[in-house]
Amino acid sequence: MRKILLLLFLSTSIITYAKDLTATLYLKNGSTKTGSVKYPEPADTTISFKSDKKEKISADQISKIVFTDKKGNNIELERFYTSRPKVFKTSEFVKSKNKEWVEIIYNKSQKIGVQTITNTSQNGNSVSRDTFTYYYYGNNNSDELVMGNFLPNGMSIAIGKNKSVYNMASIVFLNCPSILSKINETEFKHKTTTDQLIEIFDTTECN
């Protein structure tokens, strides 16, 4: 859990405090570009890149972006279709129309991705900001990640910790009955939902 929280702290710091960071773009043609890159919003379709000159590079040309902070820590972003549960029908999911940038925090036979999104609302002179960290799960050969839990305002509490995870698993791991069964047998705890899922992924083969 400490490692995941550290990664989230690093990525949140990048989003909050940095406009441009050193990053390497891994392009789909097999080449790479290293320079200064503006951290993208989830829906961004172009990436602002600066090395010898400033460029706008289409997100469709990029396989992944790896940001590096001053301490040498890496934050990896890839694009996926994301699916989130409906508000009043949490067993039903809505898939995004376009791919979105997602931070990858686990990448083996399964993937775990994170998006930190801040919603701003104003009522008269009062401005409120609500930050949510969404956790998505998927298989390594899929271009879609499905939301399983989220944290509001940086709290280490997985909302809908059991039901939402079970609903996610029924979609993502339909063809992996061993993993699906293990998830359905697990009682997920508030602060360790993602770590518990990682433990299942690390110890259970898809069969």
C-alpha atoms as a PDB file:
ATOM      1  CA  MET A   1       0.000   0.000   0.000  1.00  0.00           C
ATOM      2  CA  ARG A   2       2.885   2.364   0.780  1.00  0.00           C
ATOM      3  CA  LYS A   3       4.236   1.996  -2.771  1.00  0.00           C
ATOM      4  CA  ILE A   4       0.837   2.735  -4.317  1.00  0.00           C
ATOM      5  CA  LEU A   5       0.302   5.765  -2.086  1.00  0.00           C
ATOM      6  CA  LEU A   6       3.806   7.007  -2.971  1.00  0.00           C
ATOM      7  CA  LEU A   7       3.066   6.700  -6.683  1.00  0.00           C
ATOM      8  CA  LEU A   8      -0.206   8.561  -6.218  1.00  0.00           C
ATOM      9  CA  PHE A   9       1.535  11.278  -4.197  1.00  0.00           C
ATOM     10  CA  LEU A  10       4.175  11.673  -6.913  1.00  0.00           C
ATOM     11  CA  SER A  11       1.649  11.841  -9.743  1.00  0.00           C
ATOM     12  CA  THR A  12      -0.625  14.205  -7.789  1.00  0.00           C
ATOM     13  CA  SER A  13       2.387  16.455  -7.125  1.00  0.00           C
ATOM     14  CA  ILE A  14       3.200  16.433 -10.822  1.00  0.00           C
ATOM     15  CA  ILE A  15      -0.354  17.343 -11.772  1.00  0.00           C
ATOM     16  CA  THR A  16      -0.689  20.011  -9.090  1.00  0.00           C
ATOM     17  CA  TYR A  17       2.649  21.781  -9.176  1.00  0.00           C
ATOM     18  CA  ALA A  18       4.328  21.149 -12.509  1.00  0.00           C
ATOM     19  CA  LYS A  19       3.476  22.537 -15.914  1.00  0.00           C
ATOM     20  CA  ASP A  20       6.304  20.942 -17.856  1.00  0.00           C
ATOM     21  CA  LEU A  21       8.404  17.954 -16.847  1.00  0.00           C
ATOM     22  CA  THR A  22      11.138  15.849 -18.347  1.00  0.00           C
ATOM     23  CA  ALA A  23       9.545  12.914 -20.134  1.00  0.00           C
ATOM     24  CA  THR A  24      10.160  10.343 -22.828  1.00  0.00           C
ATOM     25  CA  LEU A  25       7.535   9.775 -25.507  1.00  0.00           C
ATOM     26  CA  TYR A  26       7.447   6.226 -26.871  1.00  0.00           C
ATOM     27  CA  LEU A  27       6.040   6.533 -30.375  1.00  0.00           C
ATOM     28  CA  LYS A  28       4.150   3.823 -32.230  1.00  0.00           C
ATOM     29  CA  ASN A  29       6.717   3.873 -35.045  1.00  0.00           C
ATOM     30  CA  GLY A  30       9.328   2.562 -32.582  1.00  0.00           C
ATOM     31  CA  SER A  31      11.198   5.828 -32.020  1.00  0.00           C
ATOM     32  CA  THR A  32      11.429   7.880 -28.824  1.00  0.00           C
ATOM     33  CA  LYS A  33      11.586  11.577 -28.010  1.00  0.00           C
ATOM     34  CA  THR A  34      12.904  12.982 -24.731  1.00  0.00           C
ATOM     35  CA  GLY A  35      12.282  16.545 -23.694  1.00  0.00           C
ATOM     36  CA  SER A  36       9.922  18.798 -21.775  1.00  0.00           C
ATOM     37  CA  VAL A  37       6.298  17.629 -21.791  1.00  0.00           C
ATOM     38  CA  LYS A  38       3.166  19.169 -20.330  1.00  0.00           C
ATOM     39  CA  TYR A  39       1.366  16.625 -18.130  1.00  0.00           C
ATOM     40  CA  PRO A  40      -1.822  15.747 -20.063  1.00  0.00           C
ATOM     41  CA  GLU A  41      -5.415  15.857 -18.931  1.00  0.00           C
ATOM     42  CA  PRO A  42      -7.217  12.516 -19.406  1.00  0.00           C
ATOM     43  CA  ALA A  43      -9.017  13.628 -22.583  1.00  0.00           C
ATOM     44  CA  ASP A  44      -6.075  15.440 -24.247  1.00  0.00           C
ATOM     45  CA  THR A  45      -5.621  14.395 -27.875  1.00  0.00           C
ATOM     46  CA  THR A  46      -2.362  16.287 -28.439  1.00  0.00           C
ATOM     47  CA  ILE A  47       0.796  16.452 -26.349  1.00  0.00           C
ATOM     48  CA  SER A  48       2.887  19.609 -25.954  1.00  0.00           C
ATOM     49  CA  PHE A  49       6.519  18.615 -26.424  1.00  0.00           C
ATOM     50  CA  LYS A  50       9.655  20.780 -26.327  1.00  0.00           C
ATOM     51  CA  SER A  51      13.247  19.813 -27.103  1.00  0.00           C
ATOM     52  CA  ASP A  52      15.092  21.775 -29.768  1.00  0.00           C
ATOM     53  CA  LYS A  53      11.755  23.213 -30.779  1.00  0.00           C
ATOM     54  CA  LYS A  54       8.144  23.209 -29.599  1.00  0.00           C
ATOM     55  CA  GLU A  55       5.835  20.598 -31.106  1.00  0.00           C
ATOM     56  CA  LYS A  56       2.265  19.403 -30.826  1.00  0.00           C
ATOM     57  CA  ILE A  57       2.208  15.623 -31.197  1.00  0.00           C
ATOM     58  CA  SER A  58      -1.005  13.684 -31.753  1.00  0.00           C
ATOM     59  CA  ALA A  59      -1.812  11.275 -28.930  1.00  0.00           C
ATOM     60  CA  ASP A  60      -2.627   8.678 -31.611  1.00  0.00           C
ATOM     61  CA  GLN A  61       1.083   8.546 -32.470  1.00  0.00           C
ATOM     62  CA  ILE A  62       2.164   7.796 -28.883  1.00  0.00           C
ATOM     63  CA  SER A  63       2.269   4.371 -27.185  1.00  0.00           C
ATOM     64  CA  LYS A  64       3.147   5.735 -23.748  1.00  0.00           C
ATOM     65  CA  ILE A  65       4.677   8.666 -21.884  1.00  0.00           C
ATOM     66  CA  VAL A  66       7.152   8.185 -19.049  1.00  0.00           C
ATOM     67  CA  PHE A  67       7.665  11.219 -16.806  1.00  0.00           C
ATOM     68  CA  THR A  68      10.742  11.436 -14.572  1.00  0.00           C
ATOM     69  CA  ASP A  69      10.922  13.698 -11.532  1.00  0.00           C
ATOM     70  CA  LYS A  70      14.050  15.212  -9.973  1.00  0.00           C
ATOM     71  CA  LYS A  71      14.569  12.138  -7.773  1.00  0.00           C
ATOM     72  CA  GLY A  72      14.450   9.755 -10.721  1.00  0.00           C
ATOM     73  CA  ASN A  73      10.971   8.375 -10.035  1.00  0.00           C
ATOM     74  CA  ASN A  74       9.006   7.366 -13.130  1.00  0.00           C
ATOM     75  CA  ILE A  75       5.304   7.928 -13.805  1.00  0.00           C
ATOM     76  CA  GLU A  76       3.992   6.026 -16.839  1.00  0.00           C
ATOM     77  CA  LEU A  77       0.904   7.052 -18.794  1.00  0.00           C
ATOM     78  CA  GLU A  78      -0.942   5.140 -21.521  1.00  0.00           C
ATOM     79  CA  ARG A  79      -4.260   5.648 -23.286  1.00  0.00           C
ATOM     80  CA  PHE A  80      -7.250   3.367 -22.784  1.00  0.00           C
ATOM     81  CA  TYR A  81     -10.973   3.375 -23.157  1.00  0.00           C
ATOM     82  CA  THR A  82     -12.315   3.715 -19.611  1.00  0.00           C
ATOM     83  CA  SER A  83     -15.589   2.314 -18.283  1.00  0.00           C
ATOM     84  CA  ARG A  84     -17.316   3.710 -15.201  1.00  0.00           C
ATOM     85  CA  PRO A  85     -20.477   2.500 -13.453  1.00  0.00           C
ATOM     86  CA  LYS A  86     -23.730   4.377 -13.924  1.00  0.00           C
ATOM     87  CA  VAL A  87     -24.744   6.535 -10.975  1.00  0.00           C
ATOM     88  CA  PHE A  88     -27.956   4.702 -10.102  1.00  0.00           C
ATOM     89  CA  LYS A  89     -27.209   1.355 -11.773  1.00  0.00           C
ATOM     90  CA  THR A  90     -23.746   0.468 -10.574  1.00  0.00           C
ATOM     91  CA  SER A  91     -23.878  -2.961 -12.194  1.00  0.00           C
ATOM     92  CA  GLU A  92     -23.999  -1.247 -15.605  1.00  0.00           C
ATOM     93  CA  PHE A  93     -20.950   0.506 -17.051  1.00  0.00           C
ATOM     94  CA  VAL A  94     -20.543   3.291 -19.586  1.00  0.00           C
ATOM     95  CA  LYS A  95     -17.511   3.106 -21.860  1.00  0.00           C
ATOM     96  CA  SER A  96     -15.776   6.328 -22.884  1.00  0.00           C
ATOM     97  CA  LYS A  97     -16.182   7.341 -26.521  1.00  0.00           C
ATOM     98  CA  ASN A  98     -12.470   8.058 -26.851  1.00  0.00           C
ATOM     99  CA  LYS A  99      -9.302   6.779 -25.236  1.00  0.00           C
ATOM    100  CA  GLU A 100      -8.057   8.657 -22.162  1.00  0.00           C
ATOM    101  CA  TRP A 101      -4.670   9.054 -20.502  1.00  0.00           C
ATOM    102  CA  VAL A 102      -4.325   6.766 -17.477  1.00  0.00           C
ATOM    103  CA  GLU A 103      -1.389   6.406 -15.077  1.00  0.00           C
ATOM    104  CA  ILE A 104      -0.255   2.769 -14.940  1.00  0.00           C
ATOM    105  CA  ILE A 105       0.691   1.590 -11.446  1.00  0.00           C
ATOM    106  CA  TYR A 106       0.677  -2.182 -12.105  1.00  0.00           C
ATOM    107  CA  ASN A 107       1.570  -3.861 -15.386  1.00  0.00           C
ATOM    108  CA  LYS A 108       1.853  -7.632 -15.617  1.00  0.00           C
ATOM    109  CA  SER A 109      -0.747 -10.063 -16.989  1.00  0.00           C
ATOM    110  CA  GLN A 110      -3.260  -7.551 -15.630  1.00  0.00           C
ATOM    111  CA  LYS A 111      -3.075  -3.779 -15.531  1.00  0.00           C
ATOM    112  CA  ILE A 112      -4.122  -1.247 -12.929  1.00  0.00           C
ATOM    113  CA  GLY A 113      -4.541   2.370 -13.949  1.00  0.00           C
ATOM    114  CA  VAL A 114      -5.281   5.556 -12.027  1.00  0.00           C
ATOM    115  CA  GLN A 115      -6.816   8.895 -12.914  1.00  0.00           C
ATOM    116  CA  THR A 116      -6.853  11.819 -10.484  1.00  0.00           C
ATOM    117  CA  ILE A 117      -9.592  14.243 -11.487  1.00  0.00           C
ATOM    118  CA  THR A 118     -10.561  17.524  -9.826  1.00  0.00           C
ATOM    119  CA  ASN A 119     -14.054  18.917 -10.332  1.00  0.00           C
ATOM    120  CA  THR A 120     -14.499  22.641  -9.677  1.00  0.00           C
ATOM    121  CA  SER A 121     -17.855  24.223  -8.869  1.00  0.00           C
ATOM    122  CA  GLN A 122     -18.775  27.800  -7.955  1.00  0.00           C
ATOM    123  CA  ASN A 123     -21.674  29.114  -5.883  1.00  0.00           C
ATOM    124  CA  GLY A 124     -21.532  32.899  -5.800  1.00  0.00           C
ATOM    125  CA  ASN A 125     -18.087  33.836  -4.499  1.00  0.00           C
ATOM    126  CA  SER A 126     -17.486  30.394  -3.078  1.00  0.00           C
ATOM    127  CA  VAL A 127     -15.389  27.961  -5.121  1.00  0.00           C
ATOM    128  CA  SER A 128     -15.147  24.296  -4.162  1.00  0.00           C
ATOM    129  CA  ARG A 129     -12.847  21.637  -5.579  1.00  0.00           C
ATOM    130  CA  ASP A 130     -13.480  17.934  -5.194  1.00  0.00           C
ATOM    131  CA  THR A 131     -10.661  15.576  -6.114  1.00  0.00           C
ATOM    132  CA  PHE A 132     -11.309  11.917  -6.902  1.00  0.00           C
ATOM    133  CA  THR A 133      -8.794   9.177  -7.618  1.00  0.00           C
ATOM    134  CA  TYR A 134     -10.280   6.469  -9.834  1.00  0.00           C
ATOM    135  CA  TYR A 135      -8.797   2.962 -10.003  1.00  0.00           C
ATOM    136  CA  TYR A 136      -9.230   0.985 -13.226  1.00  0.00           C
ATOM    137  CA  TYR A 137      -8.493  -2.667 -13.937  1.00  0.00           C
ATOM    138  CA  GLY A 138      -8.013  -4.727 -17.069  1.00  0.00           C
ATOM    139  CA  ASN A 139      -6.131  -7.464 -18.844  1.00  0.00           C
ATOM    140  CA  ASN A 140      -2.816  -6.756 -20.512  1.00  0.00           C
ATOM    141  CA  ASN A 141      -4.136  -7.506 -24.002  1.00  0.00           C
ATOM    142  CA  SER A 142      -7.146  -5.176 -23.710  1.00  0.00           C
ATOM    143  CA  ASP A 143      -7.533  -1.527 -24.766  1.00  0.00           C
ATOM    144  CA  GLU A 144     -10.176  -0.980 -22.067  1.00  0.00           C
ATOM    145  CA  LEU A 145      -9.878  -0.478 -18.305  1.00  0.00           C
ATOM    146  CA  VAL A 146     -12.889  -0.775 -15.991  1.00  0.00           C
ATOM    147  CA  MET A 147     -13.303   1.221 -12.769  1.00  0.00           C
ATOM    148  CA  GLY A 148     -13.389  -0.881  -9.596  1.00  0.00           C
ATOM    149  CA  ASN A 149     -13.051   1.664  -6.774  1.00  0.00           C
ATOM    150  CA  PHE A 150     -12.221   5.293  -6.092  1.00  0.00           C
ATOM    151  CA  LEU A 151     -10.907   7.541  -3.362  1.00  0.00           C
ATOM    152  CA  PRO A 152     -12.518  10.928  -2.617  1.00  0.00           C
ATOM    153  CA  ASN A 153     -10.395  13.936  -1.660  1.00  0.00           C
ATOM    154  CA  GLY A 154      -7.238  11.896  -1.173  1.00  0.00           C
ATOM    155  CA  MET A 155      -8.756   9.693   1.547  1.00  0.00           C
ATOM    156  CA  SER A 156      -7.567   6.101   1.788  1.00  0.00           C
ATOM    157  CA  ILE A 157     -11.085   4.735   1.591  1.00  0.00           C
ATOM    158  CA  ALA A 158     -12.341   2.678  -1.313  1.00  0.00           C
ATOM    159  CA  ILE A 159     -15.934   3.706  -1.941  1.00  0.00           C
ATOM    160  CA  GLY A 160     -18.197   0.799  -2.811  1.00  0.00           C
ATOM    161  CA  LYS A 161     -15.265  -1.374  -1.871  1.00  0.00           C
ATOM    162  CA  ASN A 162     -16.937  -4.747  -2.409  1.00  0.00           C
ATOM    163  CA  LYS A 163     -19.886  -4.330  -4.738  1.00  0.00           C
ATOM    164  CA  SER A 164     -18.077  -2.141  -7.251  1.00  0.00           C
ATOM    165  CA  VAL A 165     -15.047  -4.455  -7.303  1.00  0.00           C
ATOM    166  CA  TYR A 166     -17.276  -7.495  -7.846  1.00  0.00           C
ATOM    167  CA  ASN A 167     -19.120  -5.701 -10.655  1.00  0.00           C
ATOM    168  CA  MET A 168     -15.819  -4.744 -12.298  1.00  0.00           C
ATOM    169  CA  ALA A 169     -14.469  -8.294 -11.985  1.00  0.00           C
ATOM    170  CA  SER A 170     -17.566  -9.812 -13.593  1.00  0.00           C
ATOM    171  CA  ILE A 171     -16.715  -7.835 -16.745  1.00  0.00           C
ATOM    172  CA  VAL A 172     -12.928  -7.826 -16.818  1.00  0.00           C
ATOM    173  CA  PHE A 173     -12.310 -11.398 -15.678  1.00  0.00           C
ATOM    174  CA  LEU A 174     -15.264 -13.182 -17.267  1.00  0.00           C
ATOM    175  CA  ASN A 175     -12.781 -15.351 -19.200  1.00  0.00           C
ATOM    176  CA  CYS A 176     -10.502 -15.829 -16.176  1.00  0.00           C
ATOM    177  CA  PRO A 177     -12.717 -17.879 -13.827  1.00  0.00           C
ATOM    178  CA  SER A 178      -9.850 -18.566 -11.416  1.00  0.00           C
ATOM    179  CA  ILE A 179      -9.252 -14.840 -10.818  1.00  0.00           C
ATOM    180  CA  LEU A 180     -12.974 -14.047 -10.819  1.00  0.00           C
ATOM    181  CA  SER A 181     -13.629 -16.738  -8.213  1.00  0.00           C
ATOM    182  CA  LYS A 182     -10.789 -15.494  -6.012  1.00  0.00           C
ATOM    183  CA  ILE A 183     -12.089 -11.912  -6.142  1.00  0.00           C
ATOM    184  CA  ASN A 184     -15.648 -12.997  -5.324  1.00  0.00           C
ATOM    185  CA  GLU A 185     -14.349 -14.921  -2.305  1.00  0.00           C
ATOM    186  CA  THR A 186     -12.465 -11.914  -0.931  1.00  0.00           C
ATOM    187  CA  GLU A 187     -13.780  -9.380   1.581  1.00  0.00           C
ATOM    188  CA  PHE A 188     -12.087  -6.151   0.563  1.00  0.00           C
ATOM    189  CA  LYS A 189     -10.986  -3.735   3.256  1.00  0.00           C
ATOM    190  CA  HIS A 190     -11.227   0.049   3.077  1.00  0.00           C
ATOM    191  CA  LYS A 191      -7.540   0.893   2.881  1.00  0.00           C
ATOM    192  CA  THR A 192      -6.210  -2.124   1.019  1.00  0.00           C
ATOM    193  CA  THR A 193      -8.583  -2.846  -1.881  1.00  0.00           C
ATOM    194  CA  THR A 194      -5.992  -2.318  -4.601  1.00  0.00           C
ATOM    195  CA  ASP A 195      -3.266  -4.142  -2.678  1.00  0.00           C
ATOM    196  CA  GLN A 196      -5.591  -7.102  -2.171  1.00  0.00           C
ATOM    197  CA  LEU A 197      -6.283  -7.206  -5.902  1.00  0.00           C
ATOM    198  CA  ILE A 198      -2.553  -7.067  -6.663  1.00  0.00           C
ATOM    199  CA  GLU A 199      -2.029 -10.013  -4.328  1.00  0.00           C
ATOM    200  CA  ILE A 200      -4.676 -11.962  -6.269  1.00  0.00           C
ATOM    201  CA  PHE A 201      -3.109 -11.045  -9.623  1.00  0.00           C
ATOM    202  CA  ASP A 202       0.374 -12.021  -8.413  1.00  0.00           C
ATOM    203  CA  THR A 203      -0.690 -15.411  -7.059  1.00  0.00           C
ATOM    204  CA  THR A 204      -3.492 -16.540  -9.384  1.00  0.00           C
ATOM    205  CA  GLU A 205      -3.094 -17.565 -13.027  1.00  0.00           C
ATOM    206  CA  CYS A 206      -5.820 -16.762 -15.527  1.00  0.00           C
ATOM    207  CA  ASN A 207      -7.445 -20.128 -16.262  1.00  0.00           C
END
